[in-house]
mmCIF file of all heavy atoms, coordinates in Angstrom:
data_MODEL
# 
_entry.id   MODEL 
# 
loop_
_atom_site.group_PDB 
_atom_site.id 
_atom_site.type_symbol 
_atom_site.label_atom_id 
_atom_site.label_alt_id 
_atom_site.label_comp_id 
_atom_site.label_asym_id 
_atom_site.label_entity_id 
_atom_site.label_seq_id 
_atom_site.pdbx_PDB_ins_code 
_atom_site.Cartn_x 
_atom_site.Cartn_y 
_atom_site.Cartn_z 
_atom_site.occupancy 
_atom_site.B_iso_or_equiv 
_atom_site.pdbx_formal_charge 
_atom_site.auth_seq_id 
_atom_site.auth_comp_id 
_atom_site.auth_asym_id 
_atom_site.auth_atom_id 
_atom_site.pdbx_PDB_model_num 
ATOM 1   N N   . VAL A 1 1  ? 9.342   -1.038  10.306  1.00 0.00 ? 1  VAL A N   1 
ATOM 2   C CA  . VAL A 1 1  ? 9.424   -0.055  9.246   1.00 0.00 ? 1  VAL A CA  1 
ATOM 3   C C   . VAL A 1 1  ? 10.553  -0.424  8.304   1.00 0.00 ? 1  VAL A C   1 
ATOM 4   O O   . VAL A 1 1  ? 11.642  -0.802  8.764   1.00 0.00 ? 1  VAL A O   1 
ATOM 5   C CB  . VAL A 1 1  ? 9.704   1.363   9.859   1.00 0.00 ? 1  VAL A CB  1 
ATOM 6   C CG1 . VAL A 1 1  ? 9.957   2.348   8.707   1.00 0.00 ? 1  VAL A CG1 1 
ATOM 7   C CG2 . VAL A 1 1  ? 8.546   1.802   10.699  1.00 0.00 ? 1  VAL A CG2 1 
ATOM 8   N N   . GLY A 1 2  ? 10.264  -0.421  7.051   1.00 0.00 ? 2  GLY A N   1 
ATOM 9   C CA  . GLY A 1 2  ? 11.300  -0.717  6.080   1.00 0.00 ? 2  GLY A CA  1 
ATOM 10  C C   . GLY A 1 2  ? 12.000  0.548   5.630   1.00 0.00 ? 2  GLY A C   1 
ATOM 11  O O   . GLY A 1 2  ? 12.126  1.502   6.402   1.00 0.00 ? 2  GLY A O   1 
ATOM 12  N N   . THR A 1 3  ? 12.444  0.577   4.393   1.00 0.00 ? 3  THR A N   1 
ATOM 13  C CA  . THR A 1 3  ? 13.136  1.740   3.909   1.00 0.00 ? 3  THR A CA  1 
ATOM 14  C C   . THR A 1 3  ? 12.175  2.853   3.418   1.00 0.00 ? 3  THR A C   1 
ATOM 15  O O   . THR A 1 3  ? 12.581  3.946   3.200   1.00 0.00 ? 3  THR A O   1 
ATOM 16  C CB  . THR A 1 3  ? 14.037  1.368   2.712   1.00 0.00 ? 3  THR A CB  1 
ATOM 17  O OG1 . THR A 1 3  ? 13.199  0.836   1.645   1.00 0.00 ? 3  THR A OG1 1 
ATOM 18  C CG2 . THR A 1 3  ? 15.023  0.271   3.093   1.00 0.00 ? 3  THR A CG2 1 
ATOM 19  N N   . GLY A 1 4  ? 10.899  2.498   3.281   1.00 0.00 ? 4  GLY A N   1 
ATOM 20  C CA  . GLY A 1 4  ? 9.954   3.465   2.754   1.00 0.00 ? 4  GLY A CA  1 
ATOM 21  C C   . GLY A 1 4  ? 9.939   3.423   1.230   1.00 0.00 ? 4  GLY A C   1 
ATOM 22  O O   . GLY A 1 4  ? 9.318   4.297   0.598   1.00 0.00 ? 4  GLY A O   1 
ATOM 23  N N   . ASP A 1 5  ? 10.630  2.443   0.614   1.00 0.00 ? 5  ASP A N   1 
ATOM 24  C CA  . ASP A 1 5  ? 10.653  2.334   -0.836  1.00 0.00 ? 5  ASP A CA  1 
ATOM 25  C C   . ASP A 1 5  ? 9.262   1.971   -1.319  1.00 0.00 ? 5  ASP A C   1 
ATOM 26  O O   . ASP A 1 5  ? 8.471   1.358   -0.611  1.00 0.00 ? 5  ASP A O   1 
ATOM 27  C CB  . ASP A 1 5  ? 11.608  1.255   -1.231  1.00 0.00 ? 5  ASP A CB  1 
ATOM 28  C CG  . ASP A 1 5  ? 11.797  1.174   -2.748  1.00 0.00 ? 5  ASP A CG  1 
ATOM 29  O OD1 . ASP A 1 5  ? 12.513  1.983   -3.323  1.00 0.00 ? 5  ASP A OD1 1 
ATOM 30  O OD2 . ASP A 1 5  ? 11.166  0.274   -3.343  1.00 0.00 ? 5  ASP A OD2 1 
ATOM 31  N N   . ARG A 1 6  ? 8.921   2.383   -2.571  1.00 0.00 ? 6  ARG A N   1 
ATOM 32  C CA  . ARG A 1 6  ? 7.607   2.151   -3.099  1.00 0.00 ? 6  ARG A CA  1 
ATOM 33  C C   . ARG A 1 6  ? 7.255   0.671   -3.183  1.00 0.00 ? 6  ARG A C   1 
ATOM 34  O O   . ARG A 1 6  ? 6.090   0.283   -3.192  1.00 0.00 ? 6  ARG A O   1 
ATOM 35  C CB  . ARG A 1 6  ? 7.521   2.755   -4.503  1.00 0.00 ? 6  ARG A CB  1 
ATOM 36  C CG  . ARG A 1 6  ? 7.502   4.277   -4.505  1.00 0.00 ? 6  ARG A CG  1 
ATOM 37  C CD  . ARG A 1 6  ? 7.376   4.831   -5.912  1.00 0.00 ? 6  ARG A CD  1 
ATOM 38  N NE  . ARG A 1 6  ? 7.331   6.277   -5.958  1.00 0.00 ? 6  ARG A NE  1 
ATOM 39  C CZ  . ARG A 1 6  ? 8.353   7.057   -5.967  1.00 0.00 ? 6  ARG A CZ  1 
ATOM 40  N NH1 . ARG A 1 6  ? 9.611   6.557   -5.859  1.00 0.00 ? 6  ARG A NH1 1 
ATOM 41  N NH2 . ARG A 1 6  ? 8.231   8.406   -6.011  1.00 0.00 ? 6  ARG A NH2 1 
ATOM 42  N N   . SER A 1 7  ? 8.221   -0.225  -3.306  1.00 0.00 ? 7  SER A N   1 
ATOM 43  C CA  . SER A 1 7  ? 7.966   -1.628  -3.458  1.00 0.00 ? 7  SER A CA  1 
ATOM 44  C C   . SER A 1 7  ? 7.594   -2.300  -2.140  1.00 0.00 ? 7  SER A C   1 
ATOM 45  O O   . SER A 1 7  ? 7.023   -3.412  -2.154  1.00 0.00 ? 7  SER A O   1 
ATOM 46  C CB  . SER A 1 7  ? 9.169   -2.343  -4.058  1.00 0.00 ? 7  SER A CB  1 
ATOM 47  O OG  . SER A 1 7  ? 10.289  -2.218  -3.172  1.00 0.00 ? 7  SER A OG  1 
ATOM 48  N N   . GLU A 1 8  ? 7.893   -1.655  -1.028  1.00 0.00 ? 8  GLU A N   1 
ATOM 49  C CA  . GLU A 1 8  ? 7.584   -2.223  0.281   1.00 0.00 ? 8  GLU A CA  1 
ATOM 50  C C   . GLU A 1 8  ? 6.226   -1.704  0.744   1.00 0.00 ? 8  GLU A C   1 
ATOM 51  O O   . GLU A 1 8  ? 5.994   -0.521  0.756   1.00 0.00 ? 8  GLU A O   1 
ATOM 52  C CB  . GLU A 1 8  ? 8.661   -1.875  1.299   1.00 0.00 ? 8  GLU A CB  1 
ATOM 53  C CG  . GLU A 1 8  ? 10.019  -2.448  1.005   1.00 0.00 ? 8  GLU A CG  1 
ATOM 54  C CD  . GLU A 1 8  ? 11.015  -2.063  2.114   1.00 0.00 ? 8  GLU A CD  1 
ATOM 55  O OE1 . GLU A 1 8  ? 10.669  -1.210  2.962   1.00 0.00 ? 8  GLU A OE1 1 
ATOM 56  O OE2 . GLU A 1 8  ? 12.092  -2.661  2.128   1.00 0.00 ? 8  GLU A OE2 1 
ATOM 57  N N   . LYS A 1 9  ? 5.361   -2.579  1.150   1.00 0.00 ? 9  LYS A N   1 
ATOM 58  C CA  . LYS A 1 9  ? 4.050   -2.131  1.560   1.00 0.00 ? 9  LYS A CA  1 
ATOM 59  C C   . LYS A 1 9  ? 3.323   -3.144  2.422   1.00 0.00 ? 9  LYS A C   1 
ATOM 60  O O   . LYS A 1 9  ? 3.497   -4.360  2.259   1.00 0.00 ? 9  LYS A O   1 
ATOM 61  C CB  . LYS A 1 9  ? 3.192   -1.807  0.344   1.00 0.00 ? 9  LYS A CB  1 
ATOM 62  C CG  . LYS A 1 9  ? 2.983   -3.016  -0.572  1.00 0.00 ? 9  LYS A CG  1 
ATOM 63  C CD  . LYS A 1 9  ? 2.263   -2.638  -1.839  1.00 0.00 ? 9  LYS A CD  1 
ATOM 64  C CE  . LYS A 1 9  ? 2.003   -3.826  -2.751  1.00 0.00 ? 9  LYS A CE  1 
ATOM 65  N NZ  . LYS A 1 9  ? 3.231   -4.502  -3.157  1.00 0.00 ? 9  LYS A NZ  1 
ATOM 66  N N   . ILE A 1 10 ? 2.525   -2.640  3.388   1.00 0.00 ? 10 ILE A N   1 
ATOM 67  C CA  . ILE A 1 10 ? 1.611   -3.521  4.081   1.00 0.00 ? 10 ILE A CA  1 
ATOM 68  C C   . ILE A 1 10 ? 0.170   -3.189  3.664   1.00 0.00 ? 10 ILE A C   1 
ATOM 69  O O   . ILE A 1 10 ? -0.684  -4.021  3.719   1.00 0.00 ? 10 ILE A O   1 
ATOM 70  C CB  . ILE A 1 10 ? 1.730   -3.412  5.619   1.00 0.00 ? 10 ILE A CB  1 
ATOM 71  C CG1 . ILE A 1 10 ? 1.398   -1.988  6.076   1.00 0.00 ? 10 ILE A CG1 1 
ATOM 72  C CG2 . ILE A 1 10 ? 3.127   -3.823  6.097   1.00 0.00 ? 10 ILE A CG2 1 
ATOM 73  C CD1 . ILE A 1 10 ? 1.148   -1.883  7.588   1.00 0.00 ? 10 ILE A CD1 1 
ATOM 74  N N   . ARG A 1 11 ? -0.028  -1.972  3.168   1.00 0.00 ? 11 ARG A N   1 
ATOM 75  C CA  . ARG A 1 11 ? -1.384  -1.527  2.788   1.00 0.00 ? 11 ARG A CA  1 
ATOM 76  C C   . ARG A 1 11 ? -1.300  -0.505  1.684   1.00 0.00 ? 11 ARG A C   1 
ATOM 77  O O   . ARG A 1 11 ? -0.401  0.326   1.682   1.00 0.00 ? 11 ARG A O   1 
ATOM 78  C CB  . ARG A 1 11 ? -2.098  -0.983  4.015   1.00 0.00 ? 11 ARG A CB  1 
ATOM 79  C CG  . ARG A 1 11 ? -3.611  -0.748  3.759   1.00 0.00 ? 11 ARG A CG  1 
ATOM 80  C CD  . ARG A 1 11 ? -4.282  -0.242  5.044   1.00 0.00 ? 11 ARG A CD  1 
ATOM 81  N NE  . ARG A 1 11 ? -4.157  -1.213  6.124   1.00 0.00 ? 11 ARG A NE  1 
ATOM 82  C CZ  . ARG A 1 11 ? -4.115  -0.868  7.405   1.00 0.00 ? 11 ARG A CZ  1 
ATOM 83  N NH1 . ARG A 1 11 ? -4.200  0.376   7.783   1.00 0.00 ? 11 ARG A NH1 1 
ATOM 84  N NH2 . ARG A 1 11 ? -3.997  -1.819  8.332   1.00 0.00 ? 11 ARG A NH2 1 
ATOM 85  N N   . THR A 1 12 ? -2.222  -0.608  0.753   1.00 0.00 ? 12 THR A N   1 
ATOM 86  C CA  . THR A 1 12 ? -2.292  0.372   -0.365  1.00 0.00 ? 12 THR A CA  1 
ATOM 87  C C   . THR A 1 12 ? -3.636  1.071   -0.366  1.00 0.00 ? 12 THR A C   1 
ATOM 88  O O   . THR A 1 12 ? -4.689  0.448   -0.234  1.00 0.00 ? 12 THR A O   1 
ATOM 89  C CB  . THR A 1 12 ? -2.112  -0.352  -1.715  1.00 0.00 ? 12 THR A CB  1 
ATOM 90  O OG1 . THR A 1 12 ? -0.805  -0.939  -1.786  1.00 0.00 ? 12 THR A OG1 1 
ATOM 91  C CG2 . THR A 1 12 ? -2.259  0.618   -2.887  1.00 0.00 ? 12 THR A CG2 1 
ATOM 92  N N   . TYR A 1 13 ? -3.571  2.399   -0.486  1.00 0.00 ? 13 TYR A N   1 
ATOM 93  C CA  . TYR A 1 13 ? -4.737  3.244   -0.546  1.00 0.00 ? 13 TYR A CA  1 
ATOM 94  C C   . TYR A 1 13 ? -4.840  3.745   -2.010  1.00 0.00 ? 13 TYR A C   1 
ATOM 95  O O   . TYR A 1 13 ? -4.137  4.645   -2.385  1.00 0.00 ? 13 TYR A O   1 
ATOM 96  C CB  . TYR A 1 13 ? -4.600  4.445   0.387   1.00 0.00 ? 13 TYR A CB  1 
ATOM 97  C CG  . TYR A 1 13 ? -4.361  4.040   1.851   1.00 0.00 ? 13 TYR A CG  1 
ATOM 98  C CD1 . TYR A 1 13 ? -3.107  3.535   2.228   1.00 0.00 ? 13 TYR A CD1 1 
ATOM 99  C CD2 . TYR A 1 13 ? -5.303  4.103   2.826   1.00 0.00 ? 13 TYR A CD2 1 
ATOM 100 C CE1 . TYR A 1 13 ? -2.847  3.139   3.572   1.00 0.00 ? 13 TYR A CE1 1 
ATOM 101 C CE2 . TYR A 1 13 ? -5.105  3.770   4.139   1.00 0.00 ? 13 TYR A CE2 1 
ATOM 102 C CZ  . TYR A 1 13 ? -3.818  3.272   4.505   1.00 0.00 ? 13 TYR A CZ  1 
ATOM 103 O OH  . TYR A 1 13 ? -3.585  2.898   5.795   1.00 0.00 ? 13 TYR A OH  1 
ATOM 104 N N   . ASN A 1 14 ? -5.720  3.115   -2.762  1.00 0.00 ? 14 ASN A N   1 
ATOM 105 C CA  . ASN A 1 14 ? -5.808  3.395   -4.219  1.00 0.00 ? 14 ASN A CA  1 
ATOM 106 C C   . ASN A 1 14 ? -7.010  4.295   -4.480  1.00 0.00 ? 14 ASN A C   1 
ATOM 107 O O   . ASN A 1 14 ? -8.165  3.828   -4.413  1.00 0.00 ? 14 ASN A O   1 
ATOM 108 C CB  . ASN A 1 14 ? -5.906  2.080   -4.995  1.00 0.00 ? 14 ASN A CB  1 
ATOM 109 C CG  . ASN A 1 14 ? -5.879  2.286   -6.466  1.00 0.00 ? 14 ASN A CG  1 
ATOM 110 O OD1 . ASN A 1 14 ? -6.714  3.005   -7.042  1.00 0.00 ? 14 ASN A OD1 1 
ATOM 111 N ND2 . ASN A 1 14 ? -4.899  1.646   -7.141  1.00 0.00 ? 14 ASN A ND2 1 
ATOM 112 N N   . PHE A 1 15 ? -6.757  5.567   -4.776  1.00 0.00 ? 15 PHE A N   1 
ATOM 113 C CA  . PHE A 1 15 ? -7.864  6.531   -4.962  1.00 0.00 ? 15 PHE A CA  1 
ATOM 114 C C   . PHE A 1 15 ? -8.596  6.324   -6.315  1.00 0.00 ? 15 PHE A C   1 
ATOM 115 O O   . PHE A 1 15 ? -9.820  6.377   -6.356  1.00 0.00 ? 15 PHE A O   1 
ATOM 116 C CB  . PHE A 1 15 ? -7.288  7.928   -4.932  1.00 0.00 ? 15 PHE A CB  1 
ATOM 117 C CG  . PHE A 1 15 ? -7.201  8.499   -3.523  1.00 0.00 ? 15 PHE A CG  1 
ATOM 118 C CD1 . PHE A 1 15 ? -6.147  8.134   -2.691  1.00 0.00 ? 15 PHE A CD1 1 
ATOM 119 C CD2 . PHE A 1 15 ? -8.167  9.360   -3.013  1.00 0.00 ? 15 PHE A CD2 1 
ATOM 120 C CE1 . PHE A 1 15 ? -6.065  8.635   -1.371  1.00 0.00 ? 15 PHE A CE1 1 
ATOM 121 C CE2 . PHE A 1 15 ? -8.085  9.846   -1.713  1.00 0.00 ? 15 PHE A CE2 1 
ATOM 122 C CZ  . PHE A 1 15 ? -7.058  9.481   -0.886  1.00 0.00 ? 15 PHE A CZ  1 
ATOM 123 N N   . PRO A 1 16 ? -7.914  6.045   -7.440  1.00 0.00 ? 16 PRO A N   1 
ATOM 124 C CA  . PRO A 1 16 ? -8.612  5.854   -8.703  1.00 0.00 ? 16 PRO A CA  1 
ATOM 125 C C   . PRO A 1 16 ? -9.654  4.739   -8.620  1.00 0.00 ? 16 PRO A C   1 
ATOM 126 O O   . PRO A 1 16 ? -10.750 4.847   -9.187  1.00 0.00 ? 16 PRO A O   1 
ATOM 127 C CB  . PRO A 1 16 ? -7.507  5.575   -9.690  1.00 0.00 ? 16 PRO A CB  1 
ATOM 128 C CG  . PRO A 1 16 ? -6.314  6.235   -9.132  1.00 0.00 ? 16 PRO A CG  1 
ATOM 129 C CD  . PRO A 1 16 ? -6.423  6.068   -7.649  1.00 0.00 ? 16 PRO A CD  1 
ATOM 130 N N   . ASP A 1 17 ? -9.279  3.630   -7.961  1.00 0.00 ? 17 ASP A N   1 
ATOM 131 C CA  . ASP A 1 17 ? -10.227 2.499   -7.828  1.00 0.00 ? 17 ASP A CA  1 
ATOM 132 C C   . ASP A 1 17 ? -11.054 2.558   -6.547  1.00 0.00 ? 17 ASP A C   1 
ATOM 133 O O   . ASP A 1 17 ? -11.873 1.676   -6.291  1.00 0.00 ? 17 ASP A O   1 
ATOM 134 C CB  . ASP A 1 17 ? -9.441  1.162   -7.853  1.00 0.00 ? 17 ASP A CB  1 
ATOM 135 C CG  . ASP A 1 17 ? -8.778  0.935   -9.204  1.00 0.00 ? 17 ASP A CG  1 
ATOM 136 O OD1 . ASP A 1 17 ? -9.243  1.537   -10.204 1.00 0.00 ? 17 ASP A OD1 1 
ATOM 137 O OD2 . ASP A 1 17 ? -7.787  0.182   -9.241  1.00 0.00 ? 17 ASP A OD2 1 
ATOM 138 N N   . ASP A 1 18 ? -10.818 3.610   -5.732  1.00 0.00 ? 18 ASP A N   1 
ATOM 139 C CA  . ASP A 1 18 ? -11.535 3.792   -4.492  1.00 0.00 ? 18 ASP A CA  1 
ATOM 140 C C   . ASP A 1 18 ? -11.508 2.519   -3.611  1.00 0.00 ? 18 ASP A C   1 
ATOM 141 O O   . ASP A 1 18 ? -12.574 2.045   -3.136  1.00 0.00 ? 18 ASP A O   1 
ATOM 142 C CB  . ASP A 1 18 ? -12.971 4.221   -4.734  1.00 0.00 ? 18 ASP A CB  1 
ATOM 143 C CG  . ASP A 1 18 ? -13.645 4.815   -3.513  1.00 0.00 ? 18 ASP A CG  1 
ATOM 144 O OD1 . ASP A 1 18 ? -12.892 5.367   -2.648  1.00 0.00 ? 18 ASP A OD1 1 
ATOM 145 O OD2 . ASP A 1 18 ? -14.869 4.726   -3.342  1.00 0.00 ? 18 ASP A OD2 1 
ATOM 146 N N   . ARG A 1 19 ? -10.327 2.002   -3.402  1.00 0.00 ? 19 ARG A N   1 
ATOM 147 C CA  . ARG A 1 19 ? -10.209 0.794   -2.525  1.00 0.00 ? 19 ARG A CA  1 
ATOM 148 C C   . ARG A 1 19 ? -8.935  0.868   -1.693  1.00 0.00 ? 19 ARG A C   1 
ATOM 149 O O   . ARG A 1 19 ? -7.952  1.489   -2.082  1.00 0.00 ? 19 ARG A O   1 
ATOM 150 C CB  . ARG A 1 19 ? -10.171 -0.452  -3.414  1.00 0.00 ? 19 ARG A CB  1 
ATOM 151 C CG  . ARG A 1 19 ? -9.075  -0.509  -4.421  1.00 0.00 ? 19 ARG A CG  1 
ATOM 152 C CD  . ARG A 1 19 ? -9.023  -1.803  -5.195  1.00 0.00 ? 19 ARG A CD  1 
ATOM 153 N NE  . ARG A 1 19 ? -8.173  -1.741  -6.376  1.00 0.00 ? 19 ARG A NE  1 
ATOM 154 C CZ  . ARG A 1 19 ? -6.843  -1.858  -6.345  1.00 0.00 ? 19 ARG A CZ  1 
ATOM 155 N NH1 . ARG A 1 19 ? -6.234  -2.045  -5.156  1.00 0.00 ? 19 ARG A NH1 1 
ATOM 156 N NH2 . ARG A 1 19 ? -6.121  -1.783  -7.435  1.00 0.00 ? 19 ARG A NH2 1 
ATOM 157 N N   . VAL A 1 20 ? -9.004  0.154   -0.567  1.00 0.00 ? 20 VAL A N   1 
ATOM 158 C CA  . VAL A 1 20 ? -7.861  0.044   0.326   1.00 0.00 ? 20 VAL A CA  1 
ATOM 159 C C   . VAL A 1 20 ? -7.581  -1.442  0.496   1.00 0.00 ? 20 VAL A C   1 
ATOM 160 O O   . VAL A 1 20 ? -8.503  -2.205  0.823   1.00 0.00 ? 20 VAL A O   1 
ATOM 161 C CB  . VAL A 1 20 ? -8.154  0.665   1.739   1.00 0.00 ? 20 VAL A CB  1 
ATOM 162 C CG1 . VAL A 1 20 ? -6.972  0.427   2.652   1.00 0.00 ? 20 VAL A CG1 1 
ATOM 163 C CG2 . VAL A 1 20 ? -8.437  2.170   1.561   1.00 0.00 ? 20 VAL A CG2 1 
ATOM 164 N N   . THR A 1 21 ? -6.378  -1.853  0.267   1.00 0.00 ? 21 THR A N   1 
ATOM 165 C CA  . THR A 1 21 ? -6.032  -3.270  0.339   1.00 0.00 ? 21 THR A CA  1 
ATOM 166 C C   . THR A 1 21 ? -4.939  -3.504  1.371   1.00 0.00 ? 21 THR A C   1 
ATOM 167 O O   . THR A 1 21 ? -3.870  -2.868  1.324   1.00 0.00 ? 21 THR A O   1 
ATOM 168 C CB  . THR A 1 21 ? -5.502  -3.812  -1.023  1.00 0.00 ? 21 THR A CB  1 
ATOM 169 O OG1 . THR A 1 21 ? -6.521  -3.623  -1.990  1.00 0.00 ? 21 THR A OG1 1 
ATOM 170 C CG2 . THR A 1 21 ? -5.136  -5.287  -0.964  1.00 0.00 ? 21 THR A CG2 1 
ATOM 171 N N   . ASP A 1 22 ? -5.190  -4.380  2.325   1.00 0.00 ? 22 ASP A N   1 
ATOM 172 C CA  . ASP A 1 22 ? -4.166  -4.781  3.277   1.00 0.00 ? 22 ASP A CA  1 
ATOM 173 C C   . ASP A 1 22 ? -3.568  -6.108  2.714   1.00 0.00 ? 22 ASP A C   1 
ATOM 174 O O   . ASP A 1 22 ? -4.243  -7.132  2.637   1.00 0.00 ? 22 ASP A O   1 
ATOM 175 C CB  . ASP A 1 22 ? -4.733  -5.021  4.653   1.00 0.00 ? 22 ASP A CB  1 
ATOM 176 C CG  . ASP A 1 22 ? -3.634  -5.134  5.725   1.00 0.00 ? 22 ASP A CG  1 
ATOM 177 O OD1 . ASP A 1 22 ? -2.914  -6.147  5.715   1.00 0.00 ? 22 ASP A OD1 1 
ATOM 178 O OD2 . ASP A 1 22 ? -3.476  -4.156  6.527   1.00 0.00 ? 22 ASP A OD2 1 
ATOM 179 N N   . HIS A 1 23 ? -2.314  -5.992  2.337   1.00 0.00 ? 23 HIS A N   1 
ATOM 180 C CA  . HIS A 1 23 ? -1.645  -7.140  1.639   1.00 0.00 ? 23 HIS A CA  1 
ATOM 181 C C   . HIS A 1 23 ? -1.336  -8.309  2.533   1.00 0.00 ? 23 HIS A C   1 
ATOM 182 O O   . HIS A 1 23 ? -1.126  -9.395  2.031   1.00 0.00 ? 23 HIS A O   1 
ATOM 183 C CB  . HIS A 1 23 ? -0.390  -6.615  0.938   1.00 0.00 ? 23 HIS A CB  1 
ATOM 184 C CG  . HIS A 1 23 ? -0.669  -5.448  0.003   1.00 0.00 ? 23 HIS A CG  1 
ATOM 185 N ND1 . HIS A 1 23 ? -1.273  -5.575  -1.225  1.00 0.00 ? 23 HIS A ND1 1 
ATOM 186 C CD2 . HIS A 1 23 ? -0.449  -4.107  0.204   1.00 0.00 ? 23 HIS A CD2 1 
ATOM 187 C CE1 . HIS A 1 23 ? -1.441  -4.362  -1.777  1.00 0.00 ? 23 HIS A CE1 1 
ATOM 188 N NE2 . HIS A 1 23 ? -0.940  -3.446  -0.942  1.00 0.00 ? 23 HIS A NE2 1 
ATOM 189 N N   . ARG A 1 24 ? -1.279  -8.103  3.831   1.00 0.00 ? 24 ARG A N   1 
ATOM 190 C CA  . ARG A 1 24 ? -0.914  -9.222  4.753   1.00 0.00 ? 24 ARG A CA  1 
ATOM 191 C C   . ARG A 1 24 ? -2.070  -10.212 4.854   1.00 0.00 ? 24 ARG A C   1 
ATOM 192 O O   . ARG A 1 24 ? -1.843  -11.438 4.972   1.00 0.00 ? 24 ARG A O   1 
ATOM 193 C CB  . ARG A 1 24 ? -0.573  -8.640  6.138   1.00 0.00 ? 24 ARG A CB  1 
ATOM 194 C CG  . ARG A 1 24 ? 0.674   -7.831  6.147   1.00 0.00 ? 24 ARG A CG  1 
ATOM 195 C CD  . ARG A 1 24 ? 0.719   -6.953  7.380   1.00 0.00 ? 24 ARG A CD  1 
ATOM 196 N NE  . ARG A 1 24 ? -0.358  -5.960  7.451   1.00 0.00 ? 24 ARG A NE  1 
ATOM 197 C CZ  . ARG A 1 24 ? -0.547  -5.120  8.462   1.00 0.00 ? 24 ARG A CZ  1 
ATOM 198 N NH1 . ARG A 1 24 ? 0.280   -5.135  9.476   1.00 0.00 ? 24 ARG A NH1 1 
ATOM 199 N NH2 . ARG A 1 24 ? -1.530  -4.238  8.386   1.00 0.00 ? 24 ARG A NH2 1 
# 
């Protein structure tokens, strides 16, 4: 777990584009 800052991510759940991306 990082700081929870918006720039840190392993996965993004994007509702407008209806997609989930695992960045790893």
